[in-house]
Amino acid sequence: MSLAISCRGVVAGYRTTNVLQDVSLTVGEGQMTVLLGPNGAGKSTLLRVLTGLHPFSVGEVQLFGRDLSKISPGERARLVAVVPQEVTTPMAFTVAELVALGRSVPRSRWWD
């Protein structure tokens, strides 16, 4: 099985407080994984670290065998997506419409 996400020894937090301390995990391609824990345990922080939306101070994170820091934001967006528990949108989208928006390919403003 090929790995989709891998992290080893990750430490991350906010200002002077570490929320994640020496976190390691692997998730295979197509594998379903659940993060369980009480409020404030670091579940959302871990997801943000794994998707490159939050910095980590120690450790390594890889997506599909590549170092996260070497993957551009645009390519990361094509590789990984997260649908948060609560989403506020200016319009009433169905879940299917919201997910479909994530599949649209970004284009430059001059694209025909």
PDB file of N, CA and C in Angstrom:
ATOM      1  N   MET A   1       0.843  -1.176   0.000  1.00  0.00           N
ATOM      2  CA  MET A   1       0.000   0.000   0.000  1.00  0.00           C
ATOM      3  C   MET A   1       0.885   1.236   0.000  1.00  0.00           C
ATOM      4  N   SER A   2       0.543   2.193  -0.833  1.00  0.00           N
ATOM      5  CA  SER A   2       1.268   3.451  -0.933  1.00  0.00           C
ATOM      6  C   SER A   2       0.741   4.426   0.108  1.00  0.00           C
ATOM      7  N   LEU A   3       1.638   5.221   0.694  1.00  0.00           N
ATOM      8  CA  LEU A   3       1.226   6.173   1.721  1.00  0.00           C
ATOM      9  C   LEU A   3       0.733   7.473   1.109  1.00  0.00           C
ATOM     10  N   ALA A   4      -0.401   7.958   1.606  1.00  0.00           N
ATOM     11  CA  ALA A   4      -0.923   9.257   1.190  1.00  0.00           C
ATOM     12  C   ALA A   4      -0.377  10.339   2.110  1.00  0.00           C
ATOM     13  N   ILE A   5      -0.406  10.089   3.406  1.00  0.00           N
ATOM     14  CA  ILE A   5       0.057  11.061   4.408  1.00  0.00           C
ATOM     15  C   ILE A   5       0.980  10.351   5.383  1.00  0.00           C
ATOM     16  N   SER A   6       2.055  11.019   5.702  1.00  0.00           N
ATOM     17  CA  SER A   6       2.987  10.489   6.692  1.00  0.00           C
ATOM     18  C   SER A   6       3.553  11.655   7.484  1.00  0.00           C
ATOM     19  N   CYS A   7       3.559  11.515   8.793  1.00  0.00           N
ATOM     20  CA  CYS A   7       4.228  12.527   9.606  1.00  0.00           C
ATOM     21  C   CYS A   7       4.990  11.816  10.718  1.00  0.00           C
ATOM     22  N   ARG A   8       6.098  12.425  11.108  1.00  0.00           N
ATOM     23  CA  ARG A   8       6.935  11.812  12.132  1.00  0.00           C
ATOM     24  C   ARG A   8       7.495  12.892  13.050  1.00  0.00           C
ATOM     25  N   GLY A   9       7.252  12.725  14.346  1.00  0.00           N
ATOM     26  CA  GLY A   9       7.825  13.615  15.345  1.00  0.00           C
ATOM     27  C   GLY A   9       7.364  15.055  15.256  1.00  0.00           C
ATOM     28  N   VAL A  10       6.129  15.284  14.821  1.00  0.00           N
ATOM     29  CA  VAL A  10       5.652  16.649  14.600  1.00  0.00           C
ATOM     30  C   VAL A  10       5.326  17.352  15.931  1.00  0.00           C
ATOM     31  N   VAL A  11       5.825  18.577  16.036  1.00  0.00           N
ATOM     32  CA  VAL A  11       5.512  19.458  17.162  1.00  0.00           C
ATOM     33  C   VAL A  11       4.946  20.742  16.562  1.00  0.00           C
ATOM     34  N   ALA A  12       3.765  21.145  17.044  1.00  0.00           N
ATOM     35  CA  ALA A  12       3.139  22.375  16.532  1.00  0.00           C
ATOM     36  C   ALA A  12       2.263  22.968  17.621  1.00  0.00           C
ATOM     37  N   GLY A  13       2.040  24.264  17.502  1.00  0.00           N
ATOM     38  CA  GLY A  13       1.196  24.915  18.491  1.00  0.00           C
ATOM     39  C   GLY A  13       0.925  26.349  18.126  1.00  0.00           C
ATOM     40  N   TYR A  14       0.561  27.098  19.133  1.00  0.00           N
ATOM     41  CA  TYR A  14       0.204  28.493  18.959  1.00  0.00           C
ATOM     42  C   TYR A  14       1.000  29.325  19.954  1.00  0.00           C
ATOM     43  N   ARG A  15       1.733  30.295  19.439  1.00  0.00           N
ATOM     44  CA  ARG A  15       2.599  31.164  20.241  1.00  0.00           C
ATOM     45  C   ARG A  15       3.552  30.337  21.086  1.00  0.00           C
ATOM     46  N   THR A  16       3.394  30.322  22.381  1.00  0.00           N
ATOM     47  CA  THR A  16       4.339  29.604  23.245  1.00  0.00           C
ATOM     48  C   THR A  16       3.802  28.264  23.737  1.00  0.00           C
ATOM     49  N   THR A  17       2.611  27.859  23.279  1.00  0.00           N
ATOM     50  CA  THR A  17       1.998  26.611  23.738  1.00  0.00           C
ATOM     51  C   THR A  17       1.991  25.569  22.633  1.00  0.00           C
ATOM     52  N   ASN A  18       2.662  24.441  22.865  1.00  0.00           N
ATOM     53  CA  ASN A  18       2.617  23.336  21.919  1.00  0.00           C
ATOM     54  C   ASN A  18       1.343  22.542  22.130  1.00  0.00           C
ATOM     55  N   VAL A  19       0.591  22.355  21.050  1.00  0.00           N
ATOM     56  CA  VAL A  19      -0.639  21.580  21.092  1.00  0.00           C
ATOM     57  C   VAL A  19      -0.354  20.147  20.668  1.00  0.00           C
ATOM     58  N   LEU A  20       0.529  19.999  19.688  1.00  0.00           N
ATOM     59  CA  LEU A  20       0.955  18.676  19.221  1.00  0.00           C
ATOM     60  C   LEU A  20       2.384  18.439  19.688  1.00  0.00           C
ATOM     61  N   GLN A  21       2.635  17.302  20.280  1.00  0.00           N
ATOM     62  CA  GLN A  21       3.960  16.993  20.806  1.00  0.00           C
ATOM     63  C   GLN A  21       4.368  15.612  20.316  1.00  0.00           C
ATOM     64  N   ASP A  22       5.369  15.555  19.430  1.00  0.00           N
ATOM     65  CA  ASP A  22       5.924  14.290  18.936  1.00  0.00           C
ATOM     66  C   ASP A  22       4.852  13.379  18.326  1.00  0.00           C
ATOM     67  N   VAL A  23       4.057  13.924  17.400  1.00  0.00           N
ATOM     68  CA  VAL A  23       2.977  13.173  16.747  1.00  0.00           C
ATOM     69  C   VAL A  23       3.515  12.476  15.507  1.00  0.00           C
ATOM     70  N   SER A  24       3.211  11.199  15.389  1.00  0.00           N
ATOM     71  CA  SER A  24       3.587  10.415  14.213  1.00  0.00           C
ATOM     72  C   SER A  24       2.371   9.614  13.757  1.00  0.00           C
ATOM     73  N   LEU A  25       2.170   9.549  12.440  1.00  0.00           N
ATOM     74  CA  LEU A  25       1.095   8.730  11.895  1.00  0.00           C
ATOM     75  C   LEU A  25       1.316   8.496  10.418  1.00  0.00           C
ATOM     76  N   THR A  26       0.683   7.459   9.915  1.00  0.00           N
ATOM     77  CA  THR A  26       0.685   7.188   8.479  1.00  0.00           C
ATOM     78  C   THR A  26      -0.746   6.855   8.056  1.00  0.00           C
ATOM     79  N   VAL A  27      -1.097   7.295   6.863  1.00  0.00           N
ATOM     80  CA  VAL A  27      -2.402   7.000   6.284  1.00  0.00           C
ATOM     81  C   VAL A  27      -2.156   6.550   4.855  1.00  0.00           C
ATOM     82  N   GLY A  28      -2.609   5.346   4.532  1.00  0.00           N
ATOM     83  CA  GLY A  28      -2.433   4.819   3.192  1.00  0.00           C
ATOM     84  C   GLY A  28      -3.442   5.378   2.214  1.00  0.00           C
ATOM     85  N   GLU A  29      -3.092   5.331   0.929  1.00  0.00           N
ATOM     86  CA  GLU A  29      -4.028   5.791  -0.103  1.00  0.00           C
ATOM     87  C   GLU A  29      -5.315   4.989  -0.016  1.00  0.00           C
ATOM     88  N   GLY A  30      -6.451   5.684  -0.023  1.00  0.00           N
ATOM     89  CA  GLY A  30      -7.750   5.027   0.031  1.00  0.00           C
ATOM     90  C   GLY A  30      -8.163   4.566   1.412  1.00  0.00           C
ATOM     91  N   GLN A  31      -7.311   4.728   2.391  1.00  0.00           N
ATOM     92  CA  GLN A  31      -7.612   4.292   3.760  1.00  0.00           C
ATOM     93  C   GLN A  31      -8.463   5.345   4.462  1.00  0.00           C
ATOM     94  N   MET A  32      -9.436   4.901   5.243  1.00  0.00           N
ATOM     95  CA  MET A  32     -10.247   5.822   6.029  1.00  0.00           C
ATOM     96  C   MET A  32      -9.664   5.875   7.434  1.00  0.00           C
ATOM     97  N   THR A  33      -9.463   7.093   7.933  1.00  0.00           N
ATOM     98  CA  THR A  33      -8.865   7.277   9.250  1.00  0.00           C
ATOM     99  C   THR A  33      -9.719   8.245  10.053  1.00  0.00           C
ATOM    100  N   VAL A  34      -9.847   7.992  11.342  1.00  0.00           N
ATOM    101  CA  VAL A  34     -10.650   8.820  12.221  1.00  0.00           C
ATOM    102  C   VAL A  34      -9.752   9.409  13.302  1.00  0.00           C
ATOM    103  N   LEU A  35      -9.901  10.706  13.571  1.00  0.00           N
ATOM    104  CA  LEU A  35      -9.207  11.356  14.685  1.00  0.00           C
ATOM    105  C   LEU A  35     -10.218  11.566  15.800  1.00  0.00           C
ATOM    106  N   LEU A  36      -9.946  10.970  16.945  1.00  0.00           N
ATOM    107  CA  LEU A  36     -10.838  11.096  18.088  1.00  0.00           C
ATOM    108  C   LEU A  36     -10.104  11.756  19.240  1.00  0.00           C
ATOM    109  N   GLY A  37     -10.815  12.581  19.983  1.00  0.00           N
ATOM    110  CA  GLY A  37     -10.221  13.194  21.157  1.00  0.00           C
ATOM    111  C   GLY A  37     -11.119  14.299  21.668  1.00  0.00           C
ATOM    112  N   PRO A  38     -10.872  14.710  22.902  1.00  0.00           N
ATOM    113  CA  PRO A  38     -11.693  15.773  23.488  1.00  0.00           C
ATOM    114  C   PRO A  38     -11.409  17.122  22.838  1.00  0.00           C
ATOM    115  N   ASN A  39     -12.287  18.081  23.090  1.00  0.00           N
ATOM    116  CA  ASN A  39     -12.072  19.444  22.608  1.00  0.00           C
ATOM    117  C   ASN A  39     -10.719  19.943  23.101  1.00  0.00           C
ATOM    118  N   GLY A  40      -9.992  20.597  22.212  1.00  0.00           N
ATOM    119  CA  GLY A  40      -8.702  21.166  22.589  1.00  0.00           C
ATOM    120  C   GLY A  40      -7.552  20.182  22.562  1.00  0.00           C
ATOM    121  N   ALA A  41      -7.789  18.956  22.073  1.00  0.00           N
ATOM    122  CA  ALA A  41      -6.733  17.947  22.053  1.00  0.00           C
ATOM    123  C   ALA A  41      -5.755  18.128  20.894  1.00  0.00           C
ATOM    124  N   GLY A  42      -6.137  18.914  19.862  1.00  0.00           N
ATOM    125  CA  GLY A  42      -5.245  19.164  18.743  1.00  0.00           C
ATOM    126  C   GLY A  42      -5.658  18.510  17.437  1.00  0.00           C
ATOM    127  N   LYS A  43      -6.872  17.990  17.359  1.00  0.00           N
ATOM    128  CA  LYS A  43      -7.323  17.320  16.132  1.00  0.00           C
ATOM    129  C   LYS A  43      -7.327  18.274  14.937  1.00  0.00           C
ATOM    130  N   SER A  44      -7.929  19.437  15.105  1.00  0.00           N
ATOM    131  CA  SER A  44      -7.980  20.416  14.010  1.00  0.00           C
ATOM    132  C   SER A  44      -6.593  20.941  13.681  1.00  0.00           C
ATOM    133  N   THR A  45      -5.780  21.146  14.685  1.00  0.00           N
ATOM    134  CA  THR A  45      -4.404  21.606  14.448  1.00  0.00           C
ATOM    135  C   THR A  45      -3.645  20.571  13.636  1.00  0.00           C
ATOM    136  N   LEU A  46      -3.803  19.294  13.967  1.00  0.00           N
ATOM    137  CA  LEU A  46      -3.128  18.237  13.216  1.00  0.00           C
ATOM    138  C   LEU A  46      -3.577  18.245  11.759  1.00  0.00           C
ATOM    139  N   LEU A  47      -4.878  18.366  11.508  1.00  0.00           N
ATOM    140  CA  LEU A  47      -5.366  18.414  10.120  1.00  0.00           C
ATOM    141  C   LEU A  47      -4.794  19.620   9.382  1.00  0.00           C
ATOM    142  N   ARG A  48      -4.725  20.749  10.058  1.00  0.00           N
ATOM    143  CA  ARG A  48      -4.171  21.952   9.426  1.00  0.00           C
ATOM    144  C   ARG A  48      -2.678  21.780   9.135  1.00  0.00           C
ATOM    145  N   VAL A  49      -1.949  21.115  10.025  1.00  0.00           N
ATOM    146  CA  VAL A  49      -0.523  20.845   9.786  1.00  0.00           C
ATOM    147  C   VAL A  49      -0.367  19.905   8.597  1.00  0.00           C
ATOM    148  N   LEU A  50      -1.161  18.835   8.558  1.00  0.00           N
ATOM    149  CA  LEU A  50      -1.045  17.837   7.488  1.00  0.00           C
ATOM    150  C   LEU A  50      -1.395  18.394   6.115  1.00  0.00           C
ATOM    151  N   THR A  51      -2.215  19.437   6.071  1.00  0.00           N
ATOM    152  CA  THR A  51      -2.589  20.039   4.790  1.00  0.00           C
ATOM    153  C   THR A  51      -1.769  21.284   4.465  1.00  0.00           C
ATOM    154  N   GLY A  52      -0.807  21.609   5.323  1.00  0.00           N
ATOM    155  CA  GLY A  52       0.065  22.748   5.059  1.00  0.00           C
ATOM    156  C   GLY A  52      -0.530  24.087   5.414  1.00  0.00           C
ATOM    157  N   LEU A  53      -1.612  24.108   6.180  1.00  0.00           N
ATOM    158  CA  LEU A  53      -2.268  25.361   6.546  1.00  0.00           C
ATOM    159  C   LEU A  53      -1.796  25.910   7.887  1.00  0.00           C
ATOM    160  N   HIS A  54      -1.003  25.129   8.612  1.00  0.00           N
ATOM    161  CA  HIS A  54      -0.466  25.577   9.904  1.00  0.00           C
ATOM    162  C   HIS A  54       0.983  25.098   9.998  1.00  0.00           C
ATOM    163  N   PRO A  55       1.890  25.969  10.418  1.00  0.00           N
ATOM    164  CA  PRO A  55       3.302  25.572  10.490  1.00  0.00           C
ATOM    165  C   PRO A  55       3.577  24.639  11.673  1.00  0.00           C
ATOM    166  N   PHE A  56       4.594  23.811  11.519  1.00  0.00           N
ATOM    167  CA  PHE A  56       5.056  22.983  12.622  1.00  0.00           C
ATOM    168  C   PHE A  56       6.518  23.310  12.862  1.00  0.00           C
ATOM    169  N   SER A  57       6.951  23.161  14.104  1.00  0.00           N
ATOM    170  CA  SER A  57       8.308  23.589  14.459  1.00  0.00           C
ATOM    171  C   SER A  57       9.329  22.464  14.392  1.00  0.00           C
ATOM    172  N   VAL A  58       8.892  21.233  14.584  1.00  0.00           N
ATOM    173  CA  VAL A  58       9.796  20.079  14.581  1.00  0.00           C
ATOM    174  C   VAL A  58       9.103  18.944  13.856  1.00  0.00           C
ATOM    175  N   GLY A  59       9.883  18.084  13.215  1.00  0.00           N
ATOM    176  CA  GLY A  59       9.343  16.884  12.584  1.00  0.00           C
ATOM    177  C   GLY A  59       9.288  17.004  11.080  1.00  0.00           C
ATOM    178  N   GLU A  60       8.621  16.036  10.473  1.00  0.00           N
ATOM    179  CA  GLU A  60       8.474  16.036   9.014  1.00  0.00           C
ATOM    180  C   GLU A  60       7.083  15.564   8.628  1.00  0.00           C
ATOM    181  N   VAL A  61       6.579  16.133   7.533  1.00  0.00           N
ATOM    182  CA  VAL A  61       5.274  15.760   6.993  1.00  0.00           C
ATOM    183  C   VAL A  61       5.467  15.497   5.505  1.00  0.00           C
ATOM    184  N   GLN A  62       4.905  14.383   5.048  1.00  0.00           N
ATOM    185  CA  GLN A  62       4.982  14.043   3.628  1.00  0.00           C
ATOM    186  C   GLN A  62       3.596  13.747   3.081  1.00  0.00           C
ATOM    187  N   LEU A  63       3.356  14.189   1.852  1.00  0.00           N
ATOM    188  CA  LEU A  63       2.149  13.853   1.105  1.00  0.00           C
ATOM    189  C   LEU A  63       2.571  13.036  -0.095  1.00  0.00           C
ATOM    190  N   PHE A  64       2.073  11.840  -0.202  1.00  0.00           N
ATOM    191  CA  PHE A  64       2.380  10.947  -1.304  1.00  0.00           C
ATOM    192  C   PHE A  64       3.892  10.817  -1.522  1.00  0.00           C
ATOM    193  N   GLY A  65       4.631  10.714  -0.407  1.00  0.00           N
ATOM    194  CA  GLY A  65       6.072  10.500  -0.464  1.00  0.00           C
ATOM    195  C   GLY A  65       6.908  11.738  -0.710  1.00  0.00           C
ATOM    196  N   ARG A  66       6.274  12.904  -0.772  1.00  0.00           N
ATOM    197  CA  ARG A  66       7.005  14.151  -1.023  1.00  0.00           C
ATOM    198  C   ARG A  66       6.933  15.053   0.195  1.00  0.00           C
ATOM    199  N   ASP A  67       8.037  15.730   0.490  1.00  0.00           N
ATOM    200  CA  ASP A  67       8.096  16.653   1.617  1.00  0.00           C
ATOM    201  C   ASP A  67       7.071  17.766   1.424  1.00  0.00           C
ATOM    202  N   LEU A  68       6.240  17.982   2.432  1.00  0.00           N
ATOM    203  CA  LEU A  68       5.165  18.981   2.356  1.00  0.00           C
ATOM    204  C   LEU A  68       5.690  20.372   2.009  1.00  0.00           C
ATOM    205  N   SER A  69       6.858  20.726   2.538  1.00  0.00           N
ATOM    206  CA  SER A  69       7.400  22.071   2.307  1.00  0.00           C
ATOM    207  C   SER A  69       7.828  22.284   0.857  1.00  0.00           C
ATOM    208  N   LYS A  70       7.960  21.209   0.091  1.00  0.00           N
ATOM    209  CA  LYS A  70       8.386  21.318  -1.310  1.00  0.00           C
ATOM    210  C   LYS A  70       7.216  21.231  -2.287  1.00  0.00           C
ATOM    211  N   ILE A  71       6.005  21.209  -1.753  1.00  0.00           N
ATOM    212  CA  ILE A  71       4.814  21.140  -2.604  1.00  0.00           C
ATOM    213  C   ILE A  71       4.141  22.511  -2.586  1.00  0.00           C
ATOM    214  N   SER A  72       3.898  23.070  -3.753  1.00  0.00           N
ATOM    215  CA  SER A  72       3.281  24.402  -3.837  1.00  0.00           C
ATOM    216  C   SER A  72       1.846  24.354  -3.304  1.00  0.00           C
ATOM    217  N   PRO A  73       1.336  25.483  -2.843  1.00  0.00           N
ATOM    218  CA  PRO A  73      -0.049  25.514  -2.353  1.00  0.00           C
ATOM    219  C   PRO A  73      -1.062  25.019  -3.388  1.00  0.00           C
ATOM    220  N   GLY A  74      -0.866  25.373  -4.643  1.00  0.00           N
ATOM    221  CA  GLY A  74      -1.786  24.918  -5.683  1.00  0.00           C
ATOM    222  C   GLY A  74      -1.774  23.415  -5.856  1.00  0.00           C
ATOM    223  N   GLU A  75      -0.590  22.820  -5.827  1.00  0.00           N
ATOM    224  CA  GLU A  75      -0.497  21.368  -5.965  1.00  0.00           C
ATOM    225  C   GLU A  75      -1.048  20.670  -4.720  1.00  0.00           C
ATOM    226  N   ARG A  76      -0.783  21.250  -3.539  1.00  0.00           N
ATOM    227  CA  ARG A  76      -1.350  20.684  -2.303  1.00  0.00           C
ATOM    228  C   ARG A  76      -2.869  20.652  -2.382  1.00  0.00           C
ATOM    229  N   ALA A  77      -3.458  21.722  -2.911  1.00  0.00           N
ATOM    230  CA  ALA A  77      -4.918  21.799  -3.040  1.00  0.00           C
ATOM    231  C   ALA A  77      -5.449  20.720  -3.982  1.00  0.00           C
ATOM    232  N   ARG A  78      -4.654  20.326  -4.963  1.00  0.00           N
ATOM    233  CA  ARG A  78      -5.081  19.259  -5.866  1.00  0.00           C
ATOM    234  C   ARG A  78      -4.909  17.881  -5.236  1.00  0.00           C
ATOM    235  N   LEU A  79      -4.002  17.754  -4.271  1.00  0.00           N
ATOM    236  CA  LEU A  79      -3.723  16.459  -3.643  1.00  0.00           C
ATOM    237  C   LEU A  79      -4.614  16.158  -2.439  1.00  0.00           C
ATOM    238  N   VAL A  80      -4.950  17.189  -1.663  1.00  0.00           N
ATOM    239  CA  VAL A  80      -5.636  16.989  -0.386  1.00  0.00           C
ATOM    240  C   VAL A  80      -6.747  18.012  -0.231  1.00  0.00           C
ATOM    241  N   ALA A  81      -7.861  17.582   0.325  1.00  0.00           N
ATOM    242  CA  ALA A  81      -8.958  18.503   0.620  1.00  0.00           C
ATOM    243  C   ALA A  81      -9.544  18.166   1.979  1.00  0.00           C
ATOM    244  N   VAL A  82      -9.997  19.175   2.678  1.00  0.00           N
ATOM    245  CA  VAL A  82     -10.640  18.998   3.982  1.00  0.00           C
ATOM    246  C   VAL A  82     -11.954  19.759   3.948  1.00  0.00           C
ATOM    247  N   VAL A  83     -13.020  19.102   4.362  1.00  0.00           N
ATOM    248  CA  VAL A  83     -14.306  19.768   4.505  1.00  0.00           C
ATOM    249  C   VAL A  83     -14.527  19.962   6.000  1.00  0.00           C
ATOM    250  N   PRO A  84     -14.505  21.200   6.480  1.00  0.00           N
ATOM    251  CA  PRO A  84     -14.653  21.425   7.910  1.00  0.00           C
ATOM    252  C   PRO A  84     -16.050  21.087   8.399  1.00  0.00           C
ATOM    253  N   GLN A  85     -16.169  20.900   9.701  1.00  0.00           N
ATOM    254  CA  GLN A  85     -17.449  20.545  10.298  1.00  0.00           C
ATOM    255  C   GLN A  85     -18.475  21.650  10.111  1.00  0.00           C
ATOM    256  N   GLU A  86     -18.036  22.891  10.255  1.00  0.00           N
ATOM    257  CA  GLU A  86     -18.938  24.027  10.072  1.00  0.00           C
ATOM    258  C   GLU A  86     -18.384  24.928   8.992  1.00  0.00           C
ATOM    259  N   VAL A  87     -19.238  25.273   8.035  1.00  0.00           N
ATOM    260  CA  VAL A  87     -18.832  26.137   6.937  1.00  0.00           C
ATOM    261  C   VAL A  87     -19.853  27.266   6.823  1.00  0.00           C
ATOM    262  N   THR A  88     -19.362  28.487   6.783  1.00  0.00           N
ATOM    263  CA  THR A  88     -20.273  29.600   6.546  1.00  0.00           C
ATOM    264  C   THR A  88     -20.040  30.094   5.126  1.00  0.00           C
ATOM    265  N   THR A  89     -21.096  30.158   4.360  1.00  0.00           N
ATOM    266  CA  THR A  89     -21.008  30.627   2.981  1.00  0.00           C
ATOM    267  C   THR A  89     -22.048  31.718   2.772  1.00  0.00           C
ATOM    268  N   PRO A  90     -21.789  32.623   1.845  1.00  0.00           N
ATOM    269  CA  PRO A  90     -22.749  33.681   1.592  1.00  0.00           C
ATOM    270  C   PRO A  90     -24.023  33.168   0.911  1.00  0.00           C
ATOM    271  N   MET A  91     -23.954  31.971   0.345  1.00  0.00           N
ATOM    272  CA  MET A  91     -25.114  31.406  -0.339  1.00  0.00           C
ATOM    273  C   MET A  91     -25.398  30.032   0.253  1.00  0.00           C
ATOM    274  N   ALA A  92     -26.605  29.558   0.092  1.00  0.00           N
ATOM    275  CA  ALA A  92     -27.002  28.254   0.622  1.00  0.00           C
ATOM    276  C   ALA A  92     -26.616  27.158  -0.367  1.00  0.00           C
ATOM    277  N   PHE A  93     -25.428  26.585  -0.174  1.00  0.00           N
ATOM    278  CA  PHE A  93     -24.968  25.489  -1.025  1.00  0.00           C
ATOM    279  C   PHE A  93     -25.355  24.156  -0.402  1.00  0.00           C
ATOM    280  N   THR A  94     -25.645  23.170  -1.237  1.00  0.00           N
ATOM    281  CA  THR A  94     -25.797  21.810  -0.735  1.00  0.00           C
ATOM    282  C   THR A  94     -24.395  21.255  -0.503  1.00  0.00           C
ATOM    283  N   VAL A  95     -24.282  20.149   0.213  1.00  0.00           N
ATOM    284  CA  VAL A  95     -22.979  19.521   0.437  1.00  0.00           C
ATOM    285  C   VAL A  95     -22.347  19.143  -0.898  1.00  0.00           C
ATOM    286  N   ALA A  96     -23.138  18.577  -1.803  1.00  0.00           N
ATOM    287  CA  ALA A  96     -22.619  18.168  -3.110  1.00  0.00           C
ATOM    288  C   ALA A  96     -22.066  19.373  -3.881  1.00  0.00           C
ATOM    289  N   GLU A  97     -22.775  20.501  -3.839  1.00  0.00           N
ATOM    290  CA  GLU A  97     -22.308  21.707  -4.540  1.00  0.00           C
ATOM    291  C   GLU A  97     -21.018  22.242  -3.915  1.00  0.00           C
ATOM    292  N   LEU A  98     -20.946  22.204  -2.593  1.00  0.00           N
ATOM    293  CA  LEU A  98     -19.756  22.693  -1.905  1.00  0.00           C
ATOM    294  C   LEU A  98     -18.541  21.830  -2.238  1.00  0.00           C
ATOM    295  N   VAL A  99     -18.717  20.519  -2.244  1.00  0.00           N
ATOM    296  CA  VAL A  99     -17.623  19.614  -2.599  1.00  0.00           C
ATOM    297  C   VAL A  99     -17.231  19.810  -4.060  1.00  0.00           C
ATOM    298  N   ALA A 100     -18.208  19.998  -4.933  1.00  0.00           N
ATOM    299  CA  ALA A 100     -17.924  20.214  -6.353  1.00  0.00           C
ATOM    300  C   ALA A 100     -17.105  21.482  -6.568  1.00  0.00           C
ATOM    301  N   LEU A 101     -17.312  22.499  -5.751  1.00  0.00           N
ATOM    302  CA  LEU A 101     -16.521  23.731  -5.866  1.00  0.00           C
ATOM    303  C   LEU A 101     -15.036  23.447  -5.647  1.00  0.00           C
ATOM    304  N   GLY A 102     -14.737  22.518  -4.773  1.00  0.00           N
ATOM    305  CA  GLY A 102     -13.346  22.156  -4.513  1.00  0.00           C
ATOM    306  C   GLY A 102     -12.698  21.438  -5.683  1.00  0.00           C
ATOM    307  N   ARG A 103     -13.476  20.928  -6.591  1.00  0.00           N
ATOM    308  CA  ARG A 103     -12.951  20.224  -7.761  1.00  0.00           C
ATOM    309  C   ARG A 103     -12.726  21.144  -8.946  1.00  0.00           C
ATOM    310  N   SER A 104     -13.147  22.398  -8.851  1.00  0.00           N
ATOM    311  CA  SER A 104     -12.946  23.315  -9.971  1.00  0.00           C
ATOM    312  C   SER A 104     -11.474  23.694 -10.057  1.00  0.00           C
ATOM    313  N   VAL A 105     -10.982  23.764 -11.258  1.00  0.00           N
ATOM    314  CA  VAL A 105      -9.569  24.054 -11.483  1.00  0.00           C
ATOM    315  C   VAL A 105      -9.356  25.564 -11.503  1.00  0.00           C
ATOM    316  N   PRO A 106      -8.439  26.060 -10.676  1.00  0.00           N
ATOM    317  CA  PRO A 106      -8.165  27.498 -10.704  1.00  0.00           C
ATOM    318  C   PRO A 106      -7.608  27.931 -12.061  1.00  0.00           C
ATOM    319  N   ARG A 107      -8.064  29.032 -12.561  1.00  0.00           N
ATOM    320  CA  ARG A 107      -7.613  29.565 -13.844  1.00  0.00           C
ATOM    321  C   ARG A 107      -7.119  30.993 -13.636  1.00  0.00           C
ATOM    322  N   SER A 108      -6.241  31.427 -14.509  1.00  0.00           N
ATOM    323  CA  SER A 108      -5.802  32.820 -14.436  1.00  0.00           C
ATOM    324  C   SER A 108      -6.955  33.695 -14.922  1.00  0.00           C
ATOM    325  N   ARG A 109      -6.904  34.978 -14.594  1.00  0.00           N
ATOM    326  CA  ARG A 109      -8.008  35.859 -14.987  1.00  0.00           C
ATOM    327  C   ARG A 109      -8.080  36.056 -16.492  1.00  0.00           C
ATOM    328  N   TRP A 110      -7.030  35.719 -17.226  1.00  0.00           N
ATOM    329  CA  TRP A 110      -7.025  35.903 -18.680  1.00  0.00           C
ATOM    330  C   TRP A 110      -7.340  34.624 -19.435  1.00  0.00           C
ATOM    331  N   TRP A 111      -7.710  33.564 -18.708  1.00  0.00           N
ATOM    332  CA  TRP A 111      -8.003  32.287 -19.351  1.00  0.00           C
ATOM    333  C   TRP A 111      -9.296  32.371 -20.136  1.00  0.00           C
ATOM    334  N   ASP A 112      -9.310  31.837 -21.360  1.00  0.00           N
ATOM    335  CA  ASP A 112     -10.531  31.843 -22.204  1.00  0.00           C
ATOM    336  C   ASP A 112     -11.356  30.615 -21.962  1.00  0.00           C
TER     337      ASP A 112
END
